Amino acid sequence: MKKLMMLVSLSLCSCSDYIIDPRASKHPKELIRDKIECESLIKENVNSIVRLVDGDTLMRKCLSNRGHSILN
């Protein structure tokens, strides 16, 4: 059972590939700061199960709301 949980969690974690286009973003110099702030906002306001399942979607939404262009 433990191995199954590890396998499932690794497979879910590996599909968090998104590309941020800094040239198309409104403020490309603030990309790293915005990414760190989005990660901390998600960590503070969402429980760990939702973060595991929808963390990538939440990160994309947070960065796109801050004016960054997400390609995937």
PDB file of N, CA and C in Angstrom:
ATOM      1  N   MET A   1       0.823  -1.191   0.000  1.00  0.00           N
ATOM      2  CA  MET A   1       0.000   0.000   0.000  1.00  0.00           C
ATOM      3  C   MET A   1       0.870   1.260   0.000  1.00  0.00           C
ATOM      4  N   LYS A   2       1.951   1.187   0.767  1.00  0.00           N
ATOM      5  CA  LYS A   2       2.846   2.337   0.844  1.00  0.00           C
ATOM      6  C   LYS A   2       3.504   2.608  -0.506  1.00  0.00           C
ATOM      7  N   LYS A   3       3.885   1.549  -1.194  1.00  0.00           N
ATOM      8  CA  LYS A   3       4.507   1.697  -2.508  1.00  0.00           C
ATOM      9  C   LYS A   3       3.526   2.263  -3.518  1.00  0.00           C
ATOM     10  N   LEU A   4       2.275   1.854  -3.408  1.00  0.00           N
ATOM     11  CA  LEU A   4       1.249   2.364  -4.309  1.00  0.00           C
ATOM     12  C   LEU A   4       1.047   3.864  -4.106  1.00  0.00           C
ATOM     13  N   MET A   5       1.014   4.304  -2.867  1.00  0.00           N
ATOM     14  CA  MET A   5       0.857   5.734  -2.576  1.00  0.00           C
ATOM     15  C   MET A   5       2.054   6.528  -3.100  1.00  0.00           C
ATOM     16  N   MET A   6       3.244   5.988  -2.948  1.00  0.00           N
ATOM     17  CA  MET A   6       4.440   6.659  -3.458  1.00  0.00           C
ATOM     18  C   MET A   6       4.395   6.760  -4.976  1.00  0.00           C
ATOM     19  N   LEU A   7       3.978   5.697  -5.626  1.00  0.00           N
ATOM     20  CA  LEU A   7       3.891   5.682  -7.080  1.00  0.00           C
ATOM     21  C   LEU A   7       2.866   6.692  -7.580  1.00  0.00           C
ATOM     22  N   VAL A   8       1.727   6.754  -6.930  1.00  0.00           N
ATOM     23  CA  VAL A   8       0.680   7.700  -7.325  1.00  0.00           C
ATOM     24  C   VAL A   8       1.142   9.133  -7.097  1.00  0.00           C
ATOM     25  N   SER A   9       1.764   9.395  -5.967  1.00  0.00           N
ATOM     26  CA  SER A   9       2.212  10.758  -5.690  1.00  0.00           C
ATOM     27  C   SER A   9       3.321  11.195  -6.644  1.00  0.00           C
ATOM     28  N   LEU A  10       4.214  10.303  -6.991  1.00  0.00           N
ATOM     29  CA  LEU A  10       5.270  10.655  -7.947  1.00  0.00           C
ATOM     30  C   LEU A  10       4.709  10.893  -9.338  1.00  0.00           C
ATOM     31  N   SER A  11       3.717  10.117  -9.710  1.00  0.00           N
ATOM     32  CA  SER A  11       3.124  10.323 -11.038  1.00  0.00           C
ATOM     33  C   SER A  11       2.357  11.633 -11.098  1.00  0.00           C
ATOM     34  N   LEU A  12       1.736  12.043 -10.008  1.00  0.00           N
ATOM     35  CA  LEU A  12       1.021  13.317 -10.000  1.00  0.00           C
ATOM     36  C   LEU A  12       1.982  14.499  -9.965  1.00  0.00           C
ATOM     37  N   CYS A  13       3.076  14.339  -9.262  1.00  0.00           N
ATOM     38  CA  CYS A  13       4.045  15.426  -9.167  1.00  0.00           C
ATOM     39  C   CYS A  13       4.797  15.644 -10.479  1.00  0.00           C
ATOM     40  N   SER A  14       4.932  14.625 -11.259  1.00  0.00           N
ATOM     41  CA  SER A  14       5.712  14.753 -12.476  1.00  0.00           C
ATOM     42  C   SER A  14       4.965  15.469 -13.598  1.00  0.00           C
ATOM     43  N   CYS A  15       3.685  15.707 -13.452  1.00  0.00           N
ATOM     44  CA  CYS A  15       2.938  16.349 -14.533  1.00  0.00           C
ATOM     45  C   CYS A  15       2.731  17.837 -14.282  1.00  0.00           C
ATOM     46  N   SER A  16       3.653  18.471 -13.603  1.00  0.00           N
ATOM     47  CA  SER A  16       3.537  19.906 -13.346  1.00  0.00           C
ATOM     48  C   SER A  16       4.463  20.694 -14.270  1.00  0.00           C
ATOM     49  N   ASP A  17       4.316  20.487 -15.556  1.00  0.00           N
ATOM     50  CA  ASP A  17       5.135  21.198 -16.528  1.00  0.00           C
ATOM     51  C   ASP A  17       4.304  22.292 -17.183  1.00  0.00           C
ATOM     52  N   TYR A  18       4.693  23.504 -16.942  1.00  0.00           N
ATOM     53  CA  TYR A  18       4.085  24.631 -17.633  1.00  0.00           C
ATOM     54  C   TYR A  18       5.204  25.591 -17.998  1.00  0.00           C
ATOM     55  N   ILE A  19       5.016  26.308 -19.061  1.00  0.00           N
ATOM     56  CA  ILE A  19       6.047  27.209 -19.557  1.00  0.00           C
ATOM     57  C   ILE A  19       5.539  28.635 -19.436  1.00  0.00           C
ATOM     58  N   ILE A  20       6.348  29.474 -18.836  1.00  0.00           N
ATOM     59  CA  ILE A  20       6.009  30.885 -18.692  1.00  0.00           C
ATOM     60  C   ILE A  20       6.824  31.659 -19.716  1.00  0.00           C
ATOM     61  N   ASP A  21       6.141  32.437 -20.530  1.00  0.00           N
ATOM     62  CA  ASP A  21       6.803  33.232 -21.563  1.00  0.00           C
ATOM     63  C   ASP A  21       7.079  34.626 -21.010  1.00  0.00           C
ATOM     64  N   PRO A  22       8.332  34.922 -20.638  1.00  0.00           N
ATOM     65  CA  PRO A  22       8.615  36.232 -20.042  1.00  0.00           C
ATOM     66  C   PRO A  22       8.484  37.388 -21.027  1.00  0.00           C
ATOM     67  N   ARG A  23       8.659  37.154 -22.311  1.00  0.00           N
ATOM     68  CA  ARG A  23       8.532  38.240 -23.291  1.00  0.00           C
ATOM     69  C   ARG A  23       7.091  38.701 -23.457  1.00  0.00           C
ATOM     70  N   ALA A  24       6.147  37.779 -23.301  1.00  0.00           N
ATOM     71  CA  ALA A  24       4.742  38.135 -23.462  1.00  0.00           C
ATOM     72  C   ALA A  24       4.108  38.609 -22.158  1.00  0.00           C
ATOM     73  N   SER A  25       4.836  38.491 -21.061  1.00  0.00           N
ATOM     74  CA  SER A  25       4.297  38.914 -19.770  1.00  0.00           C
ATOM     75  C   SER A  25       4.336  40.426 -19.644  1.00  0.00           C
ATOM     76  N   LYS A  26       3.428  40.948 -18.831  1.00  0.00           N
ATOM     77  CA  LYS A  26       3.375  42.398 -18.627  1.00  0.00           C
ATOM     78  C   LYS A  26       4.586  42.896 -17.844  1.00  0.00           C
ATOM     79  N   HIS A  27       5.008  42.120 -16.835  1.00  0.00           N
ATOM     80  CA  HIS A  27       6.142  42.507 -15.995  1.00  0.00           C
ATOM     81  C   HIS A  27       7.118  41.333 -15.891  1.00  0.00           C
ATOM     82  N   PRO A  28       7.953  41.109 -16.890  1.00  0.00           N
ATOM     83  CA  PRO A  28       8.835  39.932 -16.871  1.00  0.00           C
ATOM     84  C   PRO A  28       9.901  39.984 -15.781  1.00  0.00           C
ATOM     85  N   LYS A  29      10.257  41.165 -15.312  1.00  0.00           N
ATOM     86  CA  LYS A  29      11.276  41.265 -14.269  1.00  0.00           C
ATOM     87  C   LYS A  29      10.763  40.762 -12.922  1.00  0.00           C
ATOM     88  N   GLU A  30       9.455  40.708 -12.747  1.00  0.00           N
ATOM     89  CA  GLU A  30       8.866  40.303 -11.478  1.00  0.00           C
ATOM     90  C   GLU A  30       8.424  38.841 -11.468  1.00  0.00           C
ATOM     91  N   LEU A  31       8.866  38.068 -12.446  1.00  0.00           N
ATOM     92  CA  LEU A  31       8.423  36.680 -12.590  1.00  0.00           C
ATOM     93  C   LEU A  31       8.816  35.821 -11.395  1.00  0.00           C
ATOM     94  N   ILE A  32      10.049  35.888 -10.962  1.00  0.00           N
ATOM     95  CA  ILE A  32      10.520  35.050  -9.859  1.00  0.00           C
ATOM     96  C   ILE A  32       9.818  35.432  -8.565  1.00  0.00           C
ATOM     97  N   ARG A  33       9.680  36.732  -8.321  1.00  0.00           N
ATOM     98  CA  ARG A  33       8.993  37.183  -7.111  1.00  0.00           C
ATOM     99  C   ARG A  33       7.544  36.724  -7.105  1.00  0.00           C
ATOM    100  N   ASP A  34       6.866  36.857  -8.252  1.00  0.00           N
ATOM    101  CA  ASP A  34       5.471  36.440  -8.341  1.00  0.00           C
ATOM    102  C   ASP A  34       5.321  34.939  -8.156  1.00  0.00           C
ATOM    103  N   LYS A  35       6.261  34.160  -8.688  1.00  0.00           N
ATOM    104  CA  LYS A  35       6.206  32.705  -8.536  1.00  0.00           C
ATOM    105  C   LYS A  35       6.354  32.315  -7.069  1.00  0.00           C
ATOM    106  N   ILE A  36       7.273  32.942  -6.366  1.00  0.00           N
ATOM    107  CA  ILE A  36       7.466  32.653  -4.947  1.00  0.00           C
ATOM    108  C   ILE A  36       6.237  33.058  -4.141  1.00  0.00           C
ATOM    109  N   GLU A  37       5.662  34.220  -4.459  1.00  0.00           N
ATOM    110  CA  GLU A  37       4.473  34.667  -3.745  1.00  0.00           C
ATOM    111  C   GLU A  37       3.278  33.761  -4.021  1.00  0.00           C
ATOM    112  N   CYS A  38       3.126  33.299  -5.260  1.00  0.00           N
ATOM    113  CA  CYS A  38       2.029  32.384  -5.578  1.00  0.00           C
ATOM    114  C   CYS A  38       2.192  31.062  -4.835  1.00  0.00           C
ATOM    115  N   GLU A  39       3.412  30.546  -4.774  1.00  0.00           N
ATOM    116  CA  GLU A  39       3.655  29.307  -4.041  1.00  0.00           C
ATOM    117  C   GLU A  39       3.297  29.461  -2.567  1.00  0.00           C
ATOM    118  N   SER A  40       3.676  30.580  -1.965  1.00  0.00           N
ATOM    119  CA  SER A  40       3.366  30.772  -0.545  1.00  0.00           C
ATOM    120  C   SER A  40       1.873  30.990  -0.321  1.00  0.00           C
ATOM    121  N   LEU A  41       1.198  31.683  -1.233  1.00  0.00           N
ATOM    122  CA  LEU A  41      -0.253  31.866  -1.104  1.00  0.00           C
ATOM    123  C   LEU A  41      -0.991  30.531  -1.197  1.00  0.00           C
ATOM    124  N   ILE A  42      -0.581  29.702  -2.129  1.00  0.00           N
ATOM    125  CA  ILE A  42      -1.213  28.393  -2.280  1.00  0.00           C
ATOM    126  C   ILE A  42      -0.947  27.531  -1.053  1.00  0.00           C
ATOM    127  N   LYS A  43       0.272  27.576  -0.546  1.00  0.00           N
ATOM    128  CA  LYS A  43       0.632  26.769   0.615  1.00  0.00           C
ATOM    129  C   LYS A  43      -0.138  27.208   1.864  1.00  0.00           C
ATOM    130  N   GLU A  44      -0.350  28.508   2.025  1.00  0.00           N
ATOM    131  CA  GLU A  44      -1.032  29.024   3.205  1.00  0.00           C
ATOM    132  C   GLU A  44      -2.544  28.812   3.166  1.00  0.00           C
ATOM    133  N   ASN A  45      -3.136  28.824   1.978  1.00  0.00           N
ATOM    134  CA  ASN A  45      -4.586  28.852   1.886  1.00  0.00           C
ATOM    135  C   ASN A  45      -5.252  27.572   1.401  1.00  0.00           C
ATOM    136  N   VAL A  46      -4.477  26.576   1.014  1.00  0.00           N
ATOM    137  CA  VAL A  46      -5.043  25.347   0.467  1.00  0.00           C
ATOM    138  C   VAL A  46      -4.448  24.160   1.224  1.00  0.00           C
ATOM    139  N   ASN A  47      -5.287  23.164   1.514  1.00  0.00           N
ATOM    140  CA  ASN A  47      -4.763  22.002   2.235  1.00  0.00           C
ATOM    141  C   ASN A  47      -3.882  21.147   1.323  1.00  0.00           C
ATOM    142  N   SER A  48      -3.172  20.215   1.917  1.00  0.00           N
ATOM    143  CA  SER A  48      -2.153  19.471   1.172  1.00  0.00           C
ATOM    144  C   SER A  48      -2.736  18.553   0.099  1.00  0.00           C
ATOM    145  N   ILE A  49      -3.922  18.025   0.312  1.00  0.00           N
ATOM    146  CA  ILE A  49      -4.514  17.131  -0.685  1.00  0.00           C
ATOM    147  C   ILE A  49      -4.897  17.910  -1.938  1.00  0.00           C
ATOM    148  N   VAL A  50      -5.512  19.056  -1.767  1.00  0.00           N
ATOM    149  CA  VAL A  50      -5.882  19.893  -2.918  1.00  0.00           C
ATOM    150  C   VAL A  50      -4.631  20.407  -3.615  1.00  0.00           C
ATOM    151  N   ARG A  51      -3.608  20.747  -2.839  1.00  0.00           N
ATOM    152  CA  ARG A  51      -2.341  21.189  -3.434  1.00  0.00           C
ATOM    153  C   ARG A  51      -1.724  20.102  -4.281  1.00  0.00           C
ATOM    154  N   LEU A  52      -1.813  18.866  -3.829  1.00  0.00           N
ATOM    155  CA  LEU A  52      -1.253  17.750  -4.575  1.00  0.00           C
ATOM    156  C   LEU A  52      -1.999  17.525  -5.884  1.00  0.00           C
ATOM    157  N   VAL A  53      -3.327  17.655  -5.845  1.00  0.00           N
ATOM    158  CA  VAL A  53      -4.138  17.388  -7.030  1.00  0.00           C
ATOM    159  C   VAL A  53      -4.205  18.591  -7.961  1.00  0.00           C
ATOM    160  N   ASP A  54      -4.464  19.778  -7.426  1.00  0.00           N
ATOM    161  CA  ASP A  54      -4.703  20.973  -8.246  1.00  0.00           C
ATOM    162  C   ASP A  54      -3.646  22.054  -8.092  1.00  0.00           C
ATOM    163  N   GLY A  55      -2.497  21.734  -7.541  1.00  0.00           N
ATOM    164  CA  GLY A  55      -1.472  22.751  -7.301  1.00  0.00           C
ATOM    165  C   GLY A  55      -0.983  23.426  -8.564  1.00  0.00           C
ATOM    166  N   ASP A  56      -0.822  22.647  -9.608  1.00  0.00           N
ATOM    167  CA  ASP A  56      -0.347  23.186 -10.878  1.00  0.00           C
ATOM    168  C   ASP A  56      -1.371  24.143 -11.491  1.00  0.00           C
ATOM    169  N   THR A  57      -2.633  23.770 -11.414  1.00  0.00           N
ATOM    170  CA  THR A  57      -3.698  24.631 -11.942  1.00  0.00           C
ATOM    171  C   THR A  57      -3.793  25.923 -11.146  1.00  0.00           C
ATOM    172  N   LEU A  58      -3.650  25.818  -9.838  1.00  0.00           N
ATOM    173  CA  LEU A  58      -3.695  27.017  -9.004  1.00  0.00           C
ATOM    174  C   LEU A  58      -2.513  27.941  -9.289  1.00  0.00           C
ATOM    175  N   MET A  59      -1.343  27.353  -9.512  1.00  0.00           N
ATOM    176  CA  MET A  59      -0.162  28.158  -9.824  1.00  0.00           C
ATOM    177  C   MET A  59      -0.332  28.865 -11.162  1.00  0.00           C
ATOM    178  N   ARG A  60      -0.843  28.168 -12.155  1.00  0.00           N
ATOM    179  CA  ARG A  60      -1.080  28.786 -13.464  1.00  0.00           C
ATOM    180  C   ARG A  60      -2.066  29.934 -13.349  1.00  0.00           C
ATOM    181  N   LYS A  61      -3.136  29.717 -12.594  1.00  0.00           N
ATOM    182  CA  LYS A  61      -4.160  30.750 -12.419  1.00  0.00           C
ATOM    183  C   LYS A  61      -3.580  31.968 -11.696  1.00  0.00           C
ATOM    184  N   CYS A  62      -2.794  31.727 -10.672  1.00  0.00           N
ATOM    185  CA  CYS A  62      -2.188  32.823  -9.911  1.00  0.00           C
ATOM    186  C   CYS A  62      -1.242  33.635 -10.788  1.00  0.00           C
ATOM    187  N   LEU A  63      -0.384  32.954 -11.540  1.00  0.00           N
ATOM    188  CA  LEU A  63       0.567  33.670 -12.392  1.00  0.00           C
ATOM    189  C   LEU A  63      -0.127  34.393 -13.543  1.00  0.00           C
ATOM    190  N   SER A  64      -1.154  33.784 -14.117  1.00  0.00           N
ATOM    191  CA  SER A  64      -1.859  34.462 -15.208  1.00  0.00           C
ATOM    192  C   SER A  64      -2.649  35.665 -14.696  1.00  0.00           C
ATOM    193  N   ASN A  65      -3.160  35.596 -13.468  1.00  0.00           N
ATOM    194  CA  ASN A  65      -3.841  36.752 -12.895  1.00  0.00           C
ATOM    195  C   ASN A  65      -2.874  37.894 -12.573  1.00  0.00           C
ATOM    196  N   ARG A  66      -1.611  37.578 -12.428  1.00  0.00           N
ATOM    197  CA  ARG A  66      -0.603  38.610 -12.195  1.00  0.00           C
ATOM    198  C   ARG A  66      -0.019  39.155 -13.487  1.00  0.00           C
ATOM    199  N   GLY A  67      -0.543  38.698 -14.635  1.00  0.00           N
ATOM    200  CA  GLY A  67      -0.145  39.267 -15.907  1.00  0.00           C
ATOM    201  C   GLY A  67       0.922  38.504 -16.662  1.00  0.00           C
ATOM    202  N   HIS A  68       1.230  37.281 -16.246  1.00  0.00           N
ATOM    203  CA  HIS A  68       2.239  36.466 -16.933  1.00  0.00           C
ATOM    204  C   HIS A  68       1.565  35.574 -17.959  1.00  0.00           C
ATOM    205  N   SER A  69       2.264  35.288 -19.033  1.00  0.00           N
ATOM    206  CA  SER A  69       1.743  34.462 -20.112  1.00  0.00           C
ATOM    207  C   SER A  69       2.170  33.021 -19.912  1.00  0.00           C
ATOM    208  N   ILE A  70       1.182  32.117 -19.740  1.00  0.00           N
ATOM    209  CA  ILE A  70       1.419  30.687 -19.556  1.00  0.00           C
ATOM    210  C   ILE A  70       1.141  29.996 -20.889  1.00  0.00           C
ATOM    211  N   LEU A  71       2.110  29.233 -21.391  1.00  0.00           N
ATOM    212  CA  LEU A  71       1.977  28.625 -22.713  1.00  0.00           C
ATOM    213  C   LEU A  71       1.266  27.273 -22.705  1.00  0.00           C
ATOM    214  N   ASN A  72       1.419  26.461 -21.693  1.00  0.00           N
ATOM    215  CA  ASN A  72       0.767  25.138 -21.678  1.00  0.00           C
ATOM    216  C   ASN A  72      -0.541  25.232 -20.942  1.00  0.00           C
TER     217      ASN A  72
END
